[in-house]
PDB file of N, CA and C in Angstrom:
ATOM      1  N   UNK A   1      -1.282 -21.497 123.024  1.00  0.00           N
ATOM      2  CA  UNK A   1      -1.203 -22.003 124.383  1.00  0.00           C
ATOM      3  C   UNK A   1      -2.599 -22.143 124.981  1.00  0.00           C
ATOM      4  N   UNK A   2      -3.427 -21.105 124.809  1.00  0.00           N
ATOM      5  CA  UNK A   2      -4.773 -21.126 125.358  1.00  0.00           C
ATOM      6  C   UNK A   2      -5.606 -22.210 124.676  1.00  0.00           C
ATOM      7  N   UNK A   3      -5.429 -22.361 123.359  1.00  0.00           N
ATOM      8  CA  UNK A   3      -6.164 -23.386 122.613  1.00  0.00           C
ATOM      9  C   UNK A   3      -5.757 -24.784 123.076  1.00  0.00           C
ATOM     10  N   UNK A   4      -4.495 -25.013 123.281  1.00  0.00           N
ATOM     11  CA  UNK A   4      -4.011 -26.323 123.746  1.00  0.00           C
ATOM     12  C   UNK A   4      -4.598 -26.646 125.111  1.00  0.00           C
ATOM     13  N   UNK A   5      -4.674 -25.664 125.976  1.00  0.00           N
ATOM     14  CA  UNK A   5      -5.240 -25.878 127.315  1.00  0.00           C
ATOM     15  C   UNK A   5      -6.730 -26.241 127.213  1.00  0.00           C
ATOM     16  N   UNK A   6      -7.469 -25.531 126.347  1.00  0.00           N
ATOM     17  CA  UNK A   6      -8.887 -25.838 126.165  1.00  0.00           C
ATOM     18  C   UNK A   6      -9.083 -27.233 125.582  1.00  0.00           C
ATOM     19  N   UNK A   7      -8.254 -27.605 124.610  1.00  0.00           N
ATOM     20  CA  UNK A   7      -8.350 -28.952 124.046  1.00  0.00           C
ATOM     21  C   UNK A   7      -8.095 -30.012 125.105  1.00  0.00           C
ATOM     22  N   UNK A   8      -7.123 -29.771 125.978  1.00  0.00           N
ATOM     23  CA  UNK A   8      -6.829 -30.709 127.058  1.00  0.00           C
ATOM     24  C   UNK A   8      -8.024 -30.843 127.995  1.00  0.00           C
ATOM     25  N   UNK A   9      -8.650 -29.741 128.348  1.00  0.00           N
ATOM     26  CA  UNK A   9      -9.804 -29.760 129.255  1.00  0.00           C
ATOM     27  C   UNK A   9     -10.974 -30.504 128.603  1.00  0.00           C
ATOM     28  N   UNK A  10     -11.264 -30.213 127.326  1.00  0.00           N
ATOM     29  CA  UNK A  10     -12.359 -30.905 126.636  1.00  0.00           C
ATOM     30  C   UNK A  10     -12.066 -32.394 126.520  1.00  0.00           C
ATOM     31  N   UNK A  11     -10.822 -32.753 126.218  1.00  0.00           N
ATOM     32  CA  UNK A  11     -10.438 -34.150 126.116  1.00  0.00           C
ATOM     33  C   UNK A  11     -10.656 -34.873 127.435  1.00  0.00           C
ATOM     34  N   UNK A  12     -10.251 -34.256 128.518  1.00  0.00           N
ATOM     35  CA  UNK A  12     -10.442 -34.834 129.846  1.00  0.00           C
ATOM     36  C   UNK A  12     -11.922 -34.989 130.162  1.00  0.00           C
ATOM     37  N   UNK A  13     -12.721 -33.989 129.822  1.00  0.00           N
ATOM     38  CA  UNK A  13     -14.164 -34.046 130.065  1.00  0.00           C
ATOM     39  C   UNK A  13     -14.798 -35.214 129.318  1.00  0.00           C
ATOM     40  N   UNK A  14     -14.472 -35.383 128.039  1.00  0.00           N
ATOM     41  CA  UNK A  14     -15.069 -36.468 127.249  1.00  0.00           C
ATOM     42  C   UNK A  14     -14.613 -37.840 127.735  1.00  0.00           C
ATOM     43  N   UNK A  15     -13.389 -37.941 128.190  1.00  0.00           N
ATOM     44  CA  UNK A  15     -12.922 -39.221 128.731  1.00  0.00           C
ATOM     45  C   UNK A  15     -13.677 -39.575 130.003  1.00  0.00           C
ATOM     46  N   UNK A  16     -13.909 -38.609 130.865  1.00  0.00           N
ATOM     47  CA  UNK A  16     -14.658 -38.845 132.091  1.00  0.00           C
ATOM     48  C   UNK A  16     -16.106 -39.189 131.791  1.00  0.00           C
ATOM     49  N   UNK A  17     -16.703 -38.509 130.831  1.00  0.00           N
ATOM     50  CA  UNK A  17     -18.089 -38.784 130.451  1.00  0.00           C
ATOM     51  C   UNK A  17     -18.222 -40.187 129.887  1.00  0.00           C
ATOM     52  N   UNK A  18     -17.295 -40.596 129.029  1.00  0.00           N
ATOM     53  CA  UNK A  18     -17.342 -41.943 128.448  1.00  0.00           C
ATOM     54  C   UNK A  18     -17.172 -43.000 129.522  1.00  0.00           C
ATOM     55  N   UNK A  19     -16.266 -42.774 130.462  1.00  0.00           N
ATOM     56  CA  UNK A  19     -16.057 -43.742 131.540  1.00  0.00           C
ATOM     57  C   UNK A  19     -17.303 -43.865 132.395  1.00  0.00           C
ATOM     58  N   UNK A  20     -17.978 -42.753 132.680  1.00  0.00           N
ATOM     59  CA  UNK A  20     -19.194 -42.786 133.471  1.00  0.00           C
ATOM     60  C   UNK A  20     -20.299 -43.528 132.739  1.00  0.00           C
ATOM     61  N   UNK A  21     -20.465 -43.312 131.440  1.00  0.00           N
ATOM     62  CA  UNK A  21     -21.507 -43.977 130.673  1.00  0.00           C
ATOM     63  C   UNK A  21     -21.277 -45.482 130.611  1.00  0.00           C
ATOM     64  N   UNK A  22     -20.015 -45.923 130.555  1.00  0.00           N
ATOM     65  CA  UNK A  22     -19.736 -47.349 130.498  1.00  0.00           C
ATOM     66  C   UNK A  22     -20.053 -48.043 131.812  1.00  0.00           C
ATOM     67  N   UNK A  23     -20.001 -47.331 132.919  1.00  0.00           N
ATOM     68  CA  UNK A  23     -20.280 -47.930 134.216  1.00  0.00           C
ATOM     69  C   UNK A  23     -21.772 -48.019 134.516  1.00  0.00           C
ATOM     70  N   UNK A  24     -22.580 -47.426 133.682  1.00  0.00           N
ATOM     71  CA  UNK A  24     -24.014 -47.353 133.915  1.00  0.00           C
ATOM     72  C   UNK A  24     -24.671 -48.721 133.682  1.00  0.00           C
ATOM     73  N   UNK A  25     -25.575 -49.175 134.561  1.00  0.00           N
ATOM     74  CA  UNK A  25     -26.282 -50.430 134.287  1.00  0.00           C
ATOM     75  C   UNK A  25     -27.135 -50.290 133.022  1.00  0.00           C
ATOM     76  N   UNK A  26     -27.157 -51.365 132.234  1.00  0.00           N
ATOM     77  CA  UNK A  26     -27.901 -51.359 130.979  1.00  0.00           C
ATOM     78  C   UNK A  26     -28.956 -52.461 131.000  1.00  0.00           C
ATOM     79  N   UNK A  27     -30.153 -52.107 130.601  1.00  0.00           N
ATOM     80  CA  UNK A  27     -31.265 -53.058 130.514  1.00  0.00           C
ATOM     81  C   UNK A  27     -31.706 -53.120 129.065  1.00  0.00           C
ATOM     82  N   UNK A  28     -32.115 -54.328 128.647  1.00  0.00           N
ATOM     83  CA  UNK A  28     -32.490 -54.525 127.246  1.00  0.00           C
ATOM     84  C   UNK A  28     -33.987 -54.724 127.120  1.00  0.00           C
ATOM     85  N   UNK A  29     -34.532 -54.144 126.057  1.00  0.00           N
ATOM     86  CA  UNK A  29     -35.958 -54.234 125.773  1.00  0.00           C
ATOM     87  C   UNK A  29     -36.115 -54.566 124.300  1.00  0.00           C
ATOM     88  N   UNK A  30     -36.958 -55.549 124.011  1.00  0.00           N
ATOM     89  CA  UNK A  30     -37.179 -55.994 122.637  1.00  0.00           C
ATOM     90  C   UNK A  30     -38.611 -55.644 122.220  1.00  0.00           C
ATOM     91  N   UNK A  31     -38.741 -55.042 121.062  1.00  0.00           N
ATOM     92  CA  UNK A  31     -40.053 -54.732 120.502  1.00  0.00           C
ATOM     93  C   UNK A  31     -40.189 -55.550 119.221  1.00  0.00           C
ATOM     94  N   UNK A  32     -41.281 -56.333 119.149  1.00  0.00           N
ATOM     95  CA  UNK A  32     -41.452 -57.199 117.985  1.00  0.00           C
ATOM     96  C   UNK A  32     -42.934 -57.493 117.781  1.00  0.00           C
ATOM     97  N   UNK A  33     -43.407 -57.278 116.581  1.00  0.00           N
ATOM     98  CA  UNK A  33     -44.788 -57.589 116.201  1.00  0.00           C
ATOM     99  C   UNK A  33     -45.807 -56.990 117.165  1.00  0.00           C
ATOM    100  N   UNK A  34     -45.581 -55.780 117.594  1.00  0.00           N
ATOM    101  CA  UNK A  34     -46.532 -55.094 118.468  1.00  0.00           C
ATOM    102  C   UNK A  34     -46.457 -55.524 119.921  1.00  0.00           C
ATOM    103  N   UNK A  35     -45.460 -56.304 120.277  1.00  0.00           N
ATOM    104  CA  UNK A  35     -45.279 -56.769 121.665  1.00  0.00           C
ATOM    105  C   UNK A  35     -43.958 -56.241 122.207  1.00  0.00           C
ATOM    106  N   UNK A  36     -43.909 -56.143 123.536  1.00  0.00           N
ATOM    107  CA  UNK A  36     -42.714 -55.672 124.217  1.00  0.00           C
ATOM    108  C   UNK A  36     -42.243 -56.773 125.149  1.00  0.00           C
ATOM    109  N   UNK A  37     -40.954 -57.078 125.098  1.00  0.00           N
ATOM    110  CA  UNK A  37     -40.377 -58.138 125.925  1.00  0.00           C
ATOM    111  C   UNK A  37     -39.148 -57.605 126.654  1.00  0.00           C
ATOM    112  N   UNK A  38     -39.050 -57.668 127.937  1.00  0.00           N
ATOM    113  CA  UNK A  38     -40.100 -58.058 128.866  1.00  0.00           C
ATOM    114  C   UNK A  38     -41.090 -56.906 129.040  1.00  0.00           C
ATOM    115  N   UNK A  39     -42.275 -57.240 129.489  1.00  0.00           N
ATOM    116  CA  UNK A  39     -43.283 -56.204 129.696  1.00  0.00           C
ATOM    117  C   UNK A  39     -42.995 -55.390 130.961  1.00  0.00           C
ATOM    118  N   UNK A  40     -42.283 -56.017 131.898  1.00  0.00           N
ATOM    119  CA  UNK A  40     -41.923 -55.321 133.137  1.00  0.00           C
ATOM    120  C   UNK A  40     -40.411 -55.331 133.303  1.00  0.00           C
ATOM    121  N   UNK A  41     -39.868 -54.158 133.485  1.00  0.00           N
ATOM    122  CA  UNK A  41     -38.434 -54.000 133.738  1.00  0.00           C
ATOM    123  C   UNK A  41     -38.263 -53.507 135.166  1.00  0.00           C
ATOM    124  N   UNK A  42     -37.486 -54.233 135.956  1.00  0.00           N
ATOM    125  CA  UNK A  42     -37.193 -53.763 137.306  1.00  0.00           C
ATOM    126  C   UNK A  42     -35.822 -53.113 137.306  1.00  0.00           C
ATOM    127  N   UNK A  43     -35.770 -51.892 137.813  1.00  0.00           N
ATOM    128  CA  UNK A  43     -34.513 -51.138 137.871  1.00  0.00           C
ATOM    129  C   UNK A  43     -34.336 -50.626 139.298  1.00  0.00           C
ATOM    130  N   UNK A  44     -33.098 -50.372 139.692  1.00  0.00           N
ATOM    131  CA  UNK A  44     -32.901 -49.788 141.026  1.00  0.00           C
ATOM    132  C   UNK A  44     -33.353 -48.334 141.049  1.00  0.00           C
ATOM    133  N   UNK A  45     -34.061 -47.981 142.108  1.00  0.00           N
ATOM    134  CA  UNK A  45     -34.497 -46.586 142.261  1.00  0.00           C
ATOM    135  C   UNK A  45     -33.286 -45.706 142.519  1.00  0.00           C
ATOM    136  N   UNK A  46     -33.413 -44.478 142.127  1.00  0.00           N
ATOM    137  CA  UNK A  46     -32.402 -43.448 142.368  1.00  0.00           C
ATOM    138  C   UNK A  46     -31.046 -43.800 141.740  1.00  0.00           C
ATOM    139  N   UNK A  47     -31.088 -44.509 140.623  1.00  0.00           N
ATOM    140  CA  UNK A  47     -29.869 -44.887 139.914  1.00  0.00           C
ATOM    141  C   UNK A  47     -30.038 -44.574 138.433  1.00  0.00           C
ATOM    142  N   UNK A  48     -29.084 -43.910 137.881  1.00  0.00           N
ATOM    143  CA  UNK A  48     -29.098 -43.616 136.447  1.00  0.00           C
ATOM    144  C   UNK A  48     -28.851 -44.911 135.693  1.00  0.00           C
ATOM    145  N   UNK A  49     -29.579 -45.138 134.593  1.00  0.00           N
ATOM    146  CA  UNK A  49     -29.375 -46.359 133.824  1.00  0.00           C
ATOM    147  C   UNK A  49     -29.620 -46.103 132.337  1.00  0.00           C
ATOM    148  N   UNK A  50     -29.172 -47.076 131.550  1.00  0.00           N
ATOM    149  CA  UNK A  50     -29.337 -47.022 130.098  1.00  0.00           C
ATOM    150  C   UNK A  50     -30.322 -48.112 129.702  1.00  0.00           C
ATOM    151  N   UNK A  51     -31.215 -47.784 128.768  1.00  0.00           N
ATOM    152  CA  UNK A  51     -32.144 -48.758 128.217  1.00  0.00           C
ATOM    153  C   UNK A  51     -31.803 -48.953 126.746  1.00  0.00           C
ATOM    154  N   UNK A  52     -31.473 -50.194 126.400  1.00  0.00           N
ATOM    155  CA  UNK A  52     -31.179 -50.537 125.005  1.00  0.00           C
ATOM    156  C   UNK A  52     -32.453 -51.118 124.408  1.00  0.00           C
ATOM    157  N   UNK A  53     -33.013 -50.446 123.430  1.00  0.00           N
ATOM    158  CA  UNK A  53     -34.277 -50.859 122.814  1.00  0.00           C
ATOM    159  C   UNK A  53     -34.004 -51.346 121.400  1.00  0.00           C
ATOM    160  N   UNK A  54     -34.485 -52.556 121.099  1.00  0.00           N
ATOM    161  CA  UNK A  54     -34.273 -53.143 119.777  1.00  0.00           C
ATOM    162  C   UNK A  54     -35.625 -53.449 119.140  1.00  0.00           C
ATOM    163  N   UNK A  55     -35.773 -53.075 117.903  1.00  0.00           N
ATOM    164  CA  UNK A  55     -36.992 -53.381 117.158  1.00  0.00           C
ATOM    165  C   UNK A  55     -36.703 -54.537 116.197  1.00  0.00           C
ATOM    166  N   UNK A  56     -37.239 -55.700 116.513  1.00  0.00           N
ATOM    167  CA  UNK A  56     -37.054 -56.874 115.644  1.00  0.00           C
ATOM    168  C   UNK A  56     -38.272 -57.125 114.766  1.00  0.00           C
ATOM    169  N   UNK A  57     -39.242 -56.249 114.840  1.00  0.00           N
ATOM    170  CA  UNK A  57     -40.449 -56.434 114.045  1.00  0.00           C
ATOM    171  C   UNK A  57     -40.264 -55.979 112.605  1.00  0.00           C
ATOM    172  N   UNK A  58     -41.250 -56.300 111.745  1.00  0.00           N
ATOM    173  CA  UNK A  58     -41.163 -55.926 110.334  1.00  0.00           C
ATOM    174  C   UNK A  58     -41.534 -54.464 110.071  1.00  0.00           C
ATOM    175  N   UNK A  59     -42.128 -53.800 111.056  1.00  0.00           N
ATOM    176  CA  UNK A  59     -42.528 -52.401 110.878  1.00  0.00           C
ATOM    177  C   UNK A  59     -41.902 -51.512 111.942  1.00  0.00           C
ATOM    178  N   UNK A  60     -42.248 -50.252 111.883  1.00  0.00           N
ATOM    179  CA  UNK A  60     -41.724 -49.296 112.858  1.00  0.00           C
ATOM    180  C   UNK A  60     -42.298 -49.566 114.245  1.00  0.00           C
ATOM    181  N   UNK A  61     -41.561 -49.155 115.256  1.00  0.00           N
ATOM    182  CA  UNK A  61     -42.008 -49.246 116.643  1.00  0.00           C
ATOM    183  C   UNK A  61     -41.615 -47.950 117.334  1.00  0.00           C
ATOM    184  N   UNK A  62     -42.329 -47.646 118.397  1.00  0.00           N
ATOM    185  CA  UNK A  62     -42.014 -46.426 119.128  1.00  0.00           C
ATOM    186  C   UNK A  62     -42.160 -46.657 120.622  1.00  0.00           C
ATOM    187  N   UNK A  63     -41.073 -46.486 121.329  1.00  0.00           N
ATOM    188  CA  UNK A  63     -41.107 -46.499 122.798  1.00  0.00           C
ATOM    189  C   UNK A  63     -41.563 -45.118 123.224  1.00  0.00           C
ATOM    190  N   UNK A  64     -42.626 -45.079 124.020  1.00  0.00           N
ATOM    191  CA  UNK A  64     -43.105 -43.785 124.508  1.00  0.00           C
ATOM    192  C   UNK A  64     -43.587 -43.902 125.931  1.00  0.00           C
ATOM    193  N   UNK A  65     -43.187 -42.962 126.752  1.00  0.00           N
ATOM    194  CA  UNK A  65     -43.666 -42.869 128.124  1.00  0.00           C
ATOM    195  C   UNK A  65     -44.031 -41.423 128.406  1.00  0.00           C
ATOM    196  N   UNK A  66     -45.303 -41.208 128.673  1.00  0.00           N
ATOM    197  CA  UNK A  66     -45.751 -39.853 128.985  1.00  0.00           C
ATOM    198  C   UNK A  66     -45.253 -39.432 130.361  1.00  0.00           C
ATOM    199  N   UNK A  67     -45.242 -40.399 131.299  1.00  0.00           N
ATOM    200  CA  UNK A  67     -44.806 -40.093 132.662  1.00  0.00           C
ATOM    201  C   UNK A  67     -43.324 -39.718 132.706  1.00  0.00           C
ATOM    202  N   UNK A  68     -42.527 -40.443 131.930  1.00  0.00           N
ATOM    203  CA  UNK A  68     -41.083 -40.217 131.943  1.00  0.00           C
ATOM    204  C   UNK A  68     -40.636 -39.213 130.886  1.00  0.00           C
ATOM    205  N   UNK A  69     -41.580 -38.794 130.055  1.00  0.00           N
ATOM    206  CA  UNK A  69     -41.290 -37.831 128.983  1.00  0.00           C
ATOM    207  C   UNK A  69     -40.171 -38.350 128.070  1.00  0.00           C
ATOM    208  N   UNK A  70     -40.329 -39.617 127.661  1.00  0.00           N
ATOM    209  CA  UNK A  70     -39.367 -40.261 126.770  1.00  0.00           C
ATOM    210  C   UNK A  70     -40.083 -40.749 125.531  1.00  0.00           C
ATOM    211  N   UNK A  71     -39.417 -40.626 124.393  1.00  0.00           N
ATOM    212  CA  UNK A  71     -39.981 -41.055 123.129  1.00  0.00           C
ATOM    213  C   UNK A  71     -38.831 -41.455 122.221  1.00  0.00           C
ATOM    214  N   UNK A  72     -38.984 -42.623 121.572  1.00  0.00           N
ATOM    215  CA  UNK A  72     -37.926 -43.114 120.704  1.00  0.00           C
ATOM    216  C   UNK A  72     -38.557 -43.928 119.578  1.00  0.00           C
ATOM    217  N   UNK A  73     -38.391 -43.484 118.339  1.00  0.00           N
ATOM    218  CA  UNK A  73     -38.939 -44.187 117.177  1.00  0.00           C
ATOM    219  C   UNK A  73     -37.835 -45.048 116.581  1.00  0.00           C
ATOM    220  N   UNK A  74     -38.199 -46.302 116.273  1.00  0.00           N
ATOM    221  CA  UNK A  74     -37.227 -47.255 115.745  1.00  0.00           C
ATOM    222  C   UNK A  74     -37.728 -47.856 114.442  1.00  0.00           C
ATOM    223  N   UNK A  75     -36.902 -47.822 113.425  1.00  0.00           N
ATOM    224  CA  UNK A  75     -37.194 -48.527 112.174  1.00  0.00           C
ATOM    225  C   UNK A  75     -36.945 -50.012 112.398  1.00  0.00           C
ATOM    226  N   UNK A  76     -37.438 -50.871 111.496  1.00  0.00           N
ATOM    227  CA  UNK A  76     -37.189 -52.315 111.643  1.00  0.00           C
ATOM    228  C   UNK A  76     -35.693 -52.619 111.696  1.00  0.00           C
ATOM    229  N   UNK A  77     -35.317 -53.458 112.659  1.00  0.00           N
ATOM    230  CA  UNK A  77     -33.927 -53.893 112.784  1.00  0.00           C
ATOM    231  C   UNK A  77     -33.004 -52.926 113.500  1.00  0.00           C
ATOM    232  N   UNK A  78     -33.530 -51.838 113.997  1.00  0.00           N
ATOM    233  CA  UNK A  78     -32.697 -50.801 114.625  1.00  0.00           C
ATOM    234  C   UNK A  78     -32.637 -50.993 116.139  1.00  0.00           C
ATOM    235  N   UNK A  79     -31.461 -50.744 116.708  1.00  0.00           N
ATOM    236  CA  UNK A  79     -31.253 -50.761 118.151  1.00  0.00           C
ATOM    237  C   UNK A  79     -30.732 -49.390 118.564  1.00  0.00           C
ATOM    238  N   UNK A  80     -31.350 -48.818 119.598  1.00  0.00           N
ATOM    239  CA  UNK A  80     -30.904 -47.499 120.090  1.00  0.00           C
ATOM    240  C   UNK A  80     -30.932 -47.496 121.608  1.00  0.00           C
ATOM    241  N   UNK A  81     -30.231 -46.550 122.178  1.00  0.00           N
ATOM    242  CA  UNK A  81     -30.140 -46.429 123.634  1.00  0.00           C
ATOM    243  C   UNK A  81     -30.770 -45.137 124.124  1.00  0.00           C
ATOM    244  N   UNK A  82     -31.303 -45.219 125.333  1.00  0.00           N
ATOM    245  CA  UNK A  82     -31.799 -44.038 126.033  1.00  0.00           C
ATOM    246  C   UNK A  82     -31.225 -44.063 127.435  1.00  0.00           C
ATOM    247  N   UNK A  83     -30.902 -42.909 127.963  1.00  0.00           N
ATOM    248  CA  UNK A  83     -30.406 -42.809 129.329  1.00  0.00           C
ATOM    249  C   UNK A  83     -31.522 -42.237 130.202  1.00  0.00           C
ATOM    250  N   UNK A  84     -31.735 -42.900 131.339  1.00  0.00           N
ATOM    251  CA  UNK A  84     -32.755 -42.459 132.283  1.00  0.00           C
ATOM    252  C   UNK A  84     -32.058 -41.895 133.525  1.00  0.00           C
ATOM    253  N   UNK A  85     -32.515 -40.755 133.952  1.00  0.00           N
ATOM    254  CA  UNK A  85     -31.996 -40.174 135.174  1.00  0.00           C
ATOM    255  C   UNK A  85     -32.585 -40.933 136.362  1.00  0.00           C
ATOM    256  N   UNK A  86     -31.983 -40.834 137.528  1.00  0.00           N
ATOM    257  CA  UNK A  86     -32.497 -41.561 138.696  1.00  0.00           C
ATOM    258  C   UNK A  86     -33.989 -41.277 138.914  1.00  0.00           C
ATOM    259  N   UNK A  87     -34.721 -42.387 139.131  1.00  0.00           N
ATOM    260  CA  UNK A  87     -36.168 -42.274 139.320  1.00  0.00           C
ATOM    261  C   UNK A  87     -36.525 -42.602 140.763  1.00  0.00           C
ATOM    262  N   UNK A  88     -37.550 -41.950 141.253  1.00  0.00           N
ATOM    263  CA  UNK A  88     -38.068 -42.278 142.576  1.00  0.00           C
ATOM    264  C   UNK A  88     -38.705 -43.661 142.510  1.00  0.00           C
ATOM    265  N   UNK A  89     -38.792 -44.378 143.640  1.00  0.00           N
ATOM    266  CA  UNK A  89     -39.471 -45.679 143.614  1.00  0.00           C
ATOM    267  C   UNK A  89     -40.900 -45.512 143.091  1.00  0.00           C
ATOM    268  N   UNK A  90     -41.287 -46.452 142.235  1.00  0.00           N
ATOM    269  CA  UNK A  90     -42.625 -46.390 141.661  1.00  0.00           C
ATOM    270  C   UNK A  90     -42.717 -47.159 140.360  1.00  0.00           C
ATOM    271  N   UNK A  91     -43.886 -47.090 139.750  1.00  0.00           N
ATOM    272  CA  UNK A  91     -44.143 -47.779 138.491  1.00  0.00           C
ATOM    273  C   UNK A  91     -44.418 -46.734 137.415  1.00  0.00           C
ATOM    274  N   UNK A  92     -43.738 -46.889 136.294  1.00  0.00           N
ATOM    275  CA  UNK A  92     -43.837 -45.926 135.199  1.00  0.00           C
ATOM    276  C   UNK A  92     -44.235 -46.679 133.928  1.00  0.00           C
ATOM    277  N   UNK A  93     -45.368 -46.321 133.371  1.00  0.00           N
ATOM    278  CA  UNK A  93     -45.871 -47.009 132.182  1.00  0.00           C
ATOM    279  C   UNK A  93     -45.189 -46.498 130.916  1.00  0.00           C
ATOM    280  N   UNK A  94     -45.083 -47.417 129.934  1.00  0.00           N
ATOM    281  CA  UNK A  94     -44.647 -47.033 128.593  1.00  0.00           C
ATOM    282  C   UNK A  94     -45.408 -47.892 127.589  1.00  0.00           C
ATOM    283  N   UNK A  95     -45.359 -47.502 126.330  1.00  0.00           N
ATOM    284  CA  UNK A  95     -46.105 -48.233 125.304  1.00  0.00           C
ATOM    285  C   UNK A  95     -45.457 -48.030 123.944  1.00  0.00           C
ATOM    286  N   UNK A  96     -45.849 -48.915 123.033  1.00  0.00           N
ATOM    287  CA  UNK A  96     -45.435 -48.783 121.634  1.00  0.00           C
ATOM    288  C   UNK A  96     -46.520 -47.961 120.959  1.00  0.00           C
ATOM    289  N   UNK A  97     -46.206 -46.748 120.567  1.00  0.00           N
ATOM    290  CA  UNK A  97     -47.221 -45.849 120.019  1.00  0.00           C
ATOM    291  C   UNK A  97     -47.787 -46.355 118.690  1.00  0.00           C
ATOM    292  N   UNK A  98     -47.072 -47.243 117.996  1.00  0.00           N
ATOM    293  CA  UNK A  98     -47.608 -47.824 116.767  1.00  0.00           C
ATOM    294  C   UNK A  98     -48.517 -49.023 117.058  1.00  0.00           C
ATOM    295  N   UNK A  99     -48.438 -49.563 118.270  1.00  0.00           N
ATOM    296  CA  UNK A  99     -49.259 -50.710 118.665  1.00  0.00           C
ATOM    297  C   UNK A  99     -49.748 -50.497 120.107  1.00  0.00           C
ATOM    298  N   UNK A 100     -50.532 -49.451 120.348  1.00  0.00           N
ATOM    299  CA  UNK A 100     -50.878 -49.112 121.733  1.00  0.00           C
ATOM    300  C   UNK A 100     -51.750 -50.146 122.442  1.00  0.00           C
ATOM    301  N   UNK A 101     -52.462 -50.981 121.695  1.00  0.00           N
ATOM    302  CA  UNK A 101     -53.339 -51.966 122.355  1.00  0.00           C
ATOM    303  C   UNK A 101     -52.568 -53.181 122.848  1.00  0.00           C
ATOM    304  N   UNK A 102     -51.541 -53.604 122.127  1.00  0.00           N
ATOM    305  CA  UNK A 102     -50.789 -54.803 122.526  1.00  0.00           C
ATOM    306  C   UNK A 102     -49.406 -54.486 123.078  1.00  0.00           C
ATOM    307  N   UNK A 103     -48.859 -53.366 122.753  1.00  0.00           N
ATOM    308  CA  UNK A 103     -47.500 -53.020 123.186  1.00  0.00           C
ATOM    309  C   UNK A 103     -47.505 -52.166 124.431  1.00  0.00           C
ATOM    310  N   UNK A 104     -47.708 -52.798 125.574  1.00  0.00           N
ATOM    311  CA  UNK A 104     -47.740 -52.085 126.856  1.00  0.00           C
ATOM    312  C   UNK A 104     -46.641 -52.627 127.768  1.00  0.00           C
ATOM    313  N   UNK A 105     -46.040 -51.767 128.542  1.00  0.00           N
ATOM    314  CA  UNK A 105     -45.030 -52.207 129.494  1.00  0.00           C
ATOM    315  C   UNK A 105     -44.908 -51.231 130.638  1.00  0.00           C
ATOM    316  N   UNK A 106     -44.020 -51.589 131.557  1.00  0.00           N
ATOM    317  CA  UNK A 106     -43.809 -50.699 132.702  1.00  0.00           C
ATOM    318  C   UNK A 106     -42.399 -50.875 133.246  1.00  0.00           C
ATOM    319  N   UNK A 107     -41.896 -49.812 133.790  1.00  0.00           N
ATOM    320  CA  UNK A 107     -40.623 -49.821 134.495  1.00  0.00           C
ATOM    321  C   UNK A 107     -40.945 -49.683 135.975  1.00  0.00           C
ATOM    322  N   UNK A 108     -40.445 -50.633 136.749  1.00  0.00           N
ATOM    323  CA  UNK A 108     -40.661 -50.601 138.194  1.00  0.00           C
ATOM    324  C   UNK A 108     -39.324 -50.249 138.842  1.00  0.00           C
ATOM    325  N   UNK A 109     -39.283 -49.095 139.464  1.00  0.00           N
ATOM    326  CA  UNK A 109     -38.076 -48.657 140.175  1.00  0.00           C
ATOM    327  C   UNK A 109     -38.236 -49.015 141.645  1.00  0.00           C
ATOM    328  N   UNK A 110     -37.315 -49.853 142.139  1.00  0.00           N
ATOM    329  CA  UNK A 110     -37.378 -50.283 143.554  1.00  0.00           C
ATOM    330  C   UNK A 110     -36.149 -49.831 144.307  1.00  0.00           C
TER     331      UNK A 110
END
């Protein structure tokens, strides 16, 4: 009886979490040949969002932001998601750690 109740609670929790994640705004970022497209992403301030990052280049790429404390390494052809907690209005830099001279971008929270 106790186990069934716990399973019901966990099931309800995961359903609510999945529903919340699906409602989250998603922004797409493409990394290719040491470049990031778009270089500037505008997102609403104080809103949780998902960033879908795709590496279309022939080599590895890495999304990294020291300010946001985010890091994501991508093999060629891989797409992955990151969730960002609500950010205060401002500009947050990020870069491709494998191509730091050409792979620069920023997230502008308004």
